N, C-alpha and C. Protein backbone atom coordinates (compact mmCIF):
# COMPACT_ATOMS: atom_id res chain seq x y z
N MET A 1 -7.99 76.52 124.35
CA MET A 1 -6.79 76.25 125.07
C MET A 1 -6.04 75.06 124.44
N MET A 2 -6.75 74.00 124.13
CA MET A 2 -6.12 72.84 123.51
C MET A 2 -5.56 73.22 122.14
N LEU A 3 -6.26 74.09 121.41
CA LEU A 3 -5.80 74.53 120.10
C LEU A 3 -4.47 75.27 120.22
N ARG A 4 -4.35 76.12 121.23
CA ARG A 4 -3.10 76.85 121.45
C ARG A 4 -1.97 75.87 121.75
N TYR A 5 -2.27 74.83 122.52
CA TYR A 5 -1.28 73.81 122.85
C TYR A 5 -0.77 73.13 121.58
N PHE A 6 -1.69 72.79 120.67
CA PHE A 6 -1.28 72.12 119.44
C PHE A 6 -0.55 73.08 118.50
N LEU A 7 -0.90 74.35 118.53
CA LEU A 7 -0.15 75.33 117.76
C LEU A 7 1.29 75.33 118.23
N ARG A 8 1.48 75.38 119.54
CA ARG A 8 2.82 75.37 120.09
C ARG A 8 3.55 74.08 119.70
N CYS A 9 2.85 72.96 119.74
CA CYS A 9 3.47 71.68 119.35
C CYS A 9 3.84 71.67 117.88
N PHE A 10 2.96 72.21 117.04
CA PHE A 10 3.24 72.22 115.61
C PHE A 10 4.47 73.08 115.32
N VAL A 11 4.53 74.24 115.95
CA VAL A 11 5.70 75.11 115.77
C VAL A 11 6.95 74.39 116.25
N SER A 12 6.82 73.58 117.30
CA SER A 12 7.98 72.86 117.82
C SER A 12 8.49 71.82 116.83
N LEU A 13 7.64 71.36 115.90
CA LEU A 13 8.12 70.46 114.84
C LEU A 13 9.33 71.08 114.15
N PHE A 14 9.20 72.34 113.83
CA PHE A 14 10.27 73.05 113.15
C PHE A 14 11.45 73.25 114.09
N LEU A 15 11.16 73.72 115.30
CA LEU A 15 12.22 74.05 116.24
C LEU A 15 13.00 72.81 116.68
N LEU A 16 12.35 71.66 116.76
CA LEU A 16 13.02 70.43 117.16
C LEU A 16 13.71 69.74 116.00
N GLY A 17 13.57 70.28 114.81
CA GLY A 17 14.20 69.66 113.65
C GLY A 17 13.49 68.42 113.17
N ILE A 18 12.17 68.37 113.34
CA ILE A 18 11.42 67.20 112.91
C ILE A 18 11.58 66.99 111.41
N LEU A 19 11.68 68.07 110.70
CA LEU A 19 11.88 67.96 109.25
C LEU A 19 13.33 68.28 108.92
N SER A 20 13.89 67.51 108.06
CA SER A 20 15.26 67.72 107.64
C SER A 20 15.33 68.84 106.61
N PRO A 21 16.35 69.70 106.68
CA PRO A 21 16.50 70.75 105.67
C PRO A 21 16.70 70.19 104.28
N SER A 22 17.05 68.94 104.16
CA SER A 22 17.26 68.35 102.84
C SER A 22 15.99 67.67 102.32
N ALA A 23 14.85 68.04 102.88
CA ALA A 23 13.60 67.39 102.49
C ALA A 23 13.32 67.61 101.00
N THR A 24 12.71 66.61 100.42
CA THR A 24 12.29 66.72 99.03
C THR A 24 10.77 66.67 99.01
N ALA A 25 10.21 66.48 97.84
CA ALA A 25 8.75 66.41 97.75
C ALA A 25 8.22 65.22 98.54
N GLN A 26 9.08 64.25 98.82
CA GLN A 26 8.69 63.08 99.59
C GLN A 26 8.92 63.37 101.07
N THR A 27 8.05 62.84 101.90
CA THR A 27 8.21 63.03 103.34
C THR A 27 9.47 62.34 103.83
N ASP A 28 10.19 63.03 104.70
CA ASP A 28 11.38 62.40 105.27
C ASP A 28 11.43 62.61 106.78
N TYR A 29 10.29 62.57 107.40
CA TYR A 29 10.23 62.65 108.86
C TYR A 29 10.86 61.36 109.41
N LEU A 30 11.91 61.48 110.17
CA LEU A 30 12.57 60.31 110.73
C LEU A 30 11.80 59.83 111.96
N PRO A 31 11.72 58.52 112.17
CA PRO A 31 10.95 57.99 113.30
C PRO A 31 11.37 58.57 114.65
N GLU A 32 12.68 58.72 114.88
CA GLU A 32 13.12 59.27 116.16
C GLU A 32 12.72 60.74 116.32
N GLU A 33 12.66 61.47 115.23
CA GLU A 33 12.22 62.86 115.29
C GLU A 33 10.73 62.95 115.58
N VAL A 34 9.96 62.03 115.00
CA VAL A 34 8.52 61.97 115.30
C VAL A 34 8.32 61.67 116.77
N GLU A 35 9.10 60.73 117.31
CA GLU A 35 8.98 60.39 118.73
C GLU A 35 9.34 61.59 119.61
N ASN A 36 10.36 62.35 119.22
CA ASN A 36 10.71 63.57 119.97
C ASN A 36 9.54 64.55 119.97
N TYR A 37 8.93 64.71 118.81
CA TYR A 37 7.76 65.60 118.71
C TYR A 37 6.64 65.11 119.63
N VAL A 38 6.34 63.83 119.57
CA VAL A 38 5.23 63.29 120.36
C VAL A 38 5.51 63.49 121.85
N ARG A 39 6.74 63.24 122.29
CA ARG A 39 7.08 63.46 123.71
C ARG A 39 6.89 64.92 124.09
N GLU A 40 7.37 65.83 123.24
CA GLU A 40 7.25 67.27 123.52
C GLU A 40 5.79 67.69 123.52
N CYS A 41 5.04 67.23 122.57
CA CYS A 41 3.63 67.58 122.43
C CYS A 41 2.81 67.03 123.60
N THR A 42 3.08 65.79 123.99
CA THR A 42 2.30 65.12 125.03
C THR A 42 2.61 65.65 126.41
N GLY A 43 3.87 65.88 126.69
CA GLY A 43 4.26 66.30 128.03
C GLY A 43 3.83 65.24 129.04
N ASP A 44 3.18 65.68 130.10
CA ASP A 44 2.71 64.74 131.12
C ASP A 44 1.19 64.61 131.09
N ARG A 45 0.60 64.82 129.93
CA ARG A 45 -0.85 64.84 129.80
C ARG A 45 -1.50 63.48 129.56
N GLY A 46 -0.73 62.42 129.39
CA GLY A 46 -1.31 61.09 129.32
C GLY A 46 -1.51 60.55 127.91
N LEU A 47 -2.04 59.33 127.90
CA LEU A 47 -2.17 58.59 126.64
C LEU A 47 -3.18 59.19 125.67
N SER A 48 -4.24 59.80 126.17
CA SER A 48 -5.23 60.36 125.25
C SER A 48 -4.64 61.54 124.47
N VAL A 49 -3.84 62.37 125.12
CA VAL A 49 -3.19 63.48 124.42
C VAL A 49 -2.10 62.94 123.50
N GLU A 50 -1.41 61.89 123.94
CA GLU A 50 -0.39 61.29 123.07
C GLU A 50 -1.01 60.81 121.77
N ALA A 51 -2.17 60.21 121.84
CA ALA A 51 -2.85 59.74 120.63
C ALA A 51 -3.17 60.91 119.70
N VAL A 52 -3.61 62.03 120.27
CA VAL A 52 -3.90 63.21 119.46
C VAL A 52 -2.62 63.75 118.83
N CYS A 53 -1.54 63.81 119.60
CA CYS A 53 -0.26 64.30 119.08
C CYS A 53 0.24 63.44 117.94
N ARG A 54 0.13 62.12 118.10
CA ARG A 54 0.55 61.21 117.03
C ARG A 54 -0.29 61.42 115.77
N CYS A 55 -1.56 61.62 115.97
CA CYS A 55 -2.46 61.87 114.85
C CYS A 55 -2.06 63.16 114.12
N VAL A 56 -1.81 64.22 114.89
CA VAL A 56 -1.46 65.51 114.28
C VAL A 56 -0.18 65.38 113.46
N VAL A 57 0.86 64.77 114.03
CA VAL A 57 2.12 64.67 113.29
C VAL A 57 1.95 63.75 112.09
N ARG A 58 1.18 62.69 112.21
CA ARG A 58 0.96 61.78 111.07
C ARG A 58 0.26 62.51 109.93
N LYS A 59 -0.79 63.25 110.26
CA LYS A 59 -1.52 63.97 109.20
C LYS A 59 -0.73 65.16 108.67
N ALA A 60 0.08 65.78 109.52
CA ALA A 60 0.92 66.89 109.05
C ALA A 60 1.94 66.38 108.03
N GLN A 61 2.49 65.20 108.28
CA GLN A 61 3.44 64.61 107.32
C GLN A 61 2.78 64.41 105.96
N SER A 62 1.55 63.99 105.99
CA SER A 62 0.82 63.74 104.76
C SER A 62 0.48 65.05 104.05
N LYS A 63 0.09 66.04 104.82
CA LYS A 63 -0.35 67.33 104.25
C LYS A 63 0.84 68.21 103.86
N TYR A 64 1.91 68.15 104.63
CA TYR A 64 3.07 69.02 104.44
C TYR A 64 4.34 68.18 104.28
N PRO A 65 4.51 67.49 103.16
CA PRO A 65 5.65 66.59 103.00
C PRO A 65 6.98 67.28 102.74
N SER A 66 6.96 68.50 102.25
CA SER A 66 8.23 69.16 101.94
C SER A 66 8.61 70.15 103.03
N PHE A 67 9.90 70.20 103.30
CA PHE A 67 10.41 71.12 104.31
C PHE A 67 10.11 72.56 103.95
N GLU A 68 10.28 72.90 102.70
CA GLU A 68 10.06 74.28 102.27
C GLU A 68 8.63 74.73 102.54
N GLU A 69 7.67 73.88 102.22
CA GLU A 69 6.28 74.22 102.48
C GLU A 69 6.02 74.34 103.97
N PHE A 70 6.51 73.40 104.72
CA PHE A 70 6.33 73.44 106.17
C PHE A 70 6.96 74.68 106.75
N GLN A 71 8.15 75.02 106.31
CA GLN A 71 8.85 76.19 106.83
C GLN A 71 8.05 77.47 106.57
N MET A 72 7.49 77.59 105.38
CA MET A 72 6.66 78.77 105.08
C MET A 72 5.44 78.83 105.99
N ILE A 73 4.78 77.70 106.19
CA ILE A 73 3.61 77.65 107.07
C ILE A 73 4.03 78.00 108.49
N ASN A 74 5.13 77.44 108.95
CA ASN A 74 5.61 77.71 110.29
C ASN A 74 5.92 79.20 110.48
N GLN A 75 6.56 79.81 109.50
CA GLN A 75 6.86 81.23 109.59
C GLN A 75 5.58 82.06 109.66
N ASP A 76 4.59 81.68 108.89
CA ASP A 76 3.30 82.38 108.95
C ASP A 76 2.66 82.24 110.32
N ILE A 77 2.70 81.04 110.89
CA ILE A 77 2.12 80.81 112.22
C ILE A 77 2.84 81.67 113.25
N GLU A 78 4.16 81.66 113.21
CA GLU A 78 4.94 82.45 114.16
C GLU A 78 4.66 83.94 114.00
N ALA A 79 4.52 84.41 112.77
CA ALA A 79 4.31 85.83 112.51
C ALA A 79 2.91 86.29 112.88
N THR A 80 1.91 85.45 112.62
CA THR A 80 0.53 85.89 112.80
C THR A 80 -0.15 85.29 114.03
N GLY A 81 0.38 84.18 114.52
CA GLY A 81 -0.27 83.48 115.62
C GLY A 81 -1.55 82.78 115.17
N THR A 82 -1.74 82.69 113.88
CA THR A 82 -2.95 82.10 113.31
C THR A 82 -2.62 80.77 112.65
N ILE A 83 -3.42 79.76 112.98
CA ILE A 83 -3.24 78.46 112.38
C ILE A 83 -3.98 78.44 111.04
N PRO A 84 -3.31 78.04 109.96
CA PRO A 84 -3.99 77.99 108.67
C PRO A 84 -5.13 76.97 108.70
N PRO A 85 -6.20 77.23 107.96
CA PRO A 85 -7.37 76.33 107.98
C PRO A 85 -7.04 74.86 107.75
N PRO A 86 -6.14 74.48 106.82
CA PRO A 86 -5.87 73.04 106.68
C PRO A 86 -5.28 72.41 107.95
N LEU A 87 -4.41 73.13 108.62
CA LEU A 87 -3.83 72.60 109.85
C LEU A 87 -4.87 72.61 110.97
N ARG A 88 -5.67 73.65 111.03
CA ARG A 88 -6.75 73.69 112.03
C ARG A 88 -7.67 72.49 111.85
N GLN A 89 -7.94 72.13 110.60
CA GLN A 89 -8.79 70.97 110.31
C GLN A 89 -8.12 69.69 110.81
N ILE A 90 -6.81 69.55 110.61
CA ILE A 90 -6.08 68.39 111.10
C ILE A 90 -6.21 68.30 112.61
N ILE A 91 -5.99 69.38 113.29
CA ILE A 91 -6.07 69.39 114.76
C ILE A 91 -7.47 69.03 115.21
N ASP A 92 -8.48 69.64 114.59
CA ASP A 92 -9.87 69.33 114.96
C ASP A 92 -10.21 67.86 114.74
N GLU A 93 -9.78 67.33 113.59
CA GLU A 93 -10.04 65.92 113.29
C GLU A 93 -9.37 65.02 114.33
N CYS A 94 -8.16 65.35 114.69
CA CYS A 94 -7.40 64.53 115.63
C CYS A 94 -7.99 64.63 117.05
N GLU A 95 -8.47 65.80 117.41
CA GLU A 95 -9.11 65.93 118.72
C GLU A 95 -10.41 65.14 118.77
N THR A 96 -11.13 65.10 117.65
CA THR A 96 -12.38 64.35 117.57
C THR A 96 -12.13 62.84 117.53
N ASP A 97 -11.18 62.43 116.70
CA ASP A 97 -10.87 61.00 116.55
C ASP A 97 -9.38 60.84 116.29
N PRO A 98 -8.60 60.66 117.34
CA PRO A 98 -7.14 60.59 117.16
C PRO A 98 -6.67 59.37 116.37
N PHE A 99 -7.57 58.45 116.09
CA PHE A 99 -7.19 57.25 115.34
C PHE A 99 -7.70 57.31 113.91
N SER A 100 -8.11 58.49 113.49
CA SER A 100 -8.62 58.66 112.12
C SER A 100 -7.50 58.67 111.12
C-alpha cells in the first residue's frame, strides 16, 4: 500500500511540473517545486511520511537528473503501473531510513 502511494507521488512529480522541460543533464529541480511535491506526497500523514517523501525526491533528483529520462520513466510507470527497480530501490531505502 505504501509503495502504491509513492508510485502516485512519483508520477505527480511530472504532473506537478517538478522538472522543468528545459532540463539539461544537470538537475534543475527548483526548491519551490520540491516543496510542492513534498506537500502533495505527504498529505496529512505527518512528519515521518514527510521525511520519506523528502528522501524519495532527493534521491530521484540524483538518479534522474534529466527531464527526458524522467519523462520516459514516468511514461513507462503510467503505461505499465510498474515501478522500475532503481526507483523501487529508492523508495525501499527511504522507507527503511528516510535520512539516508
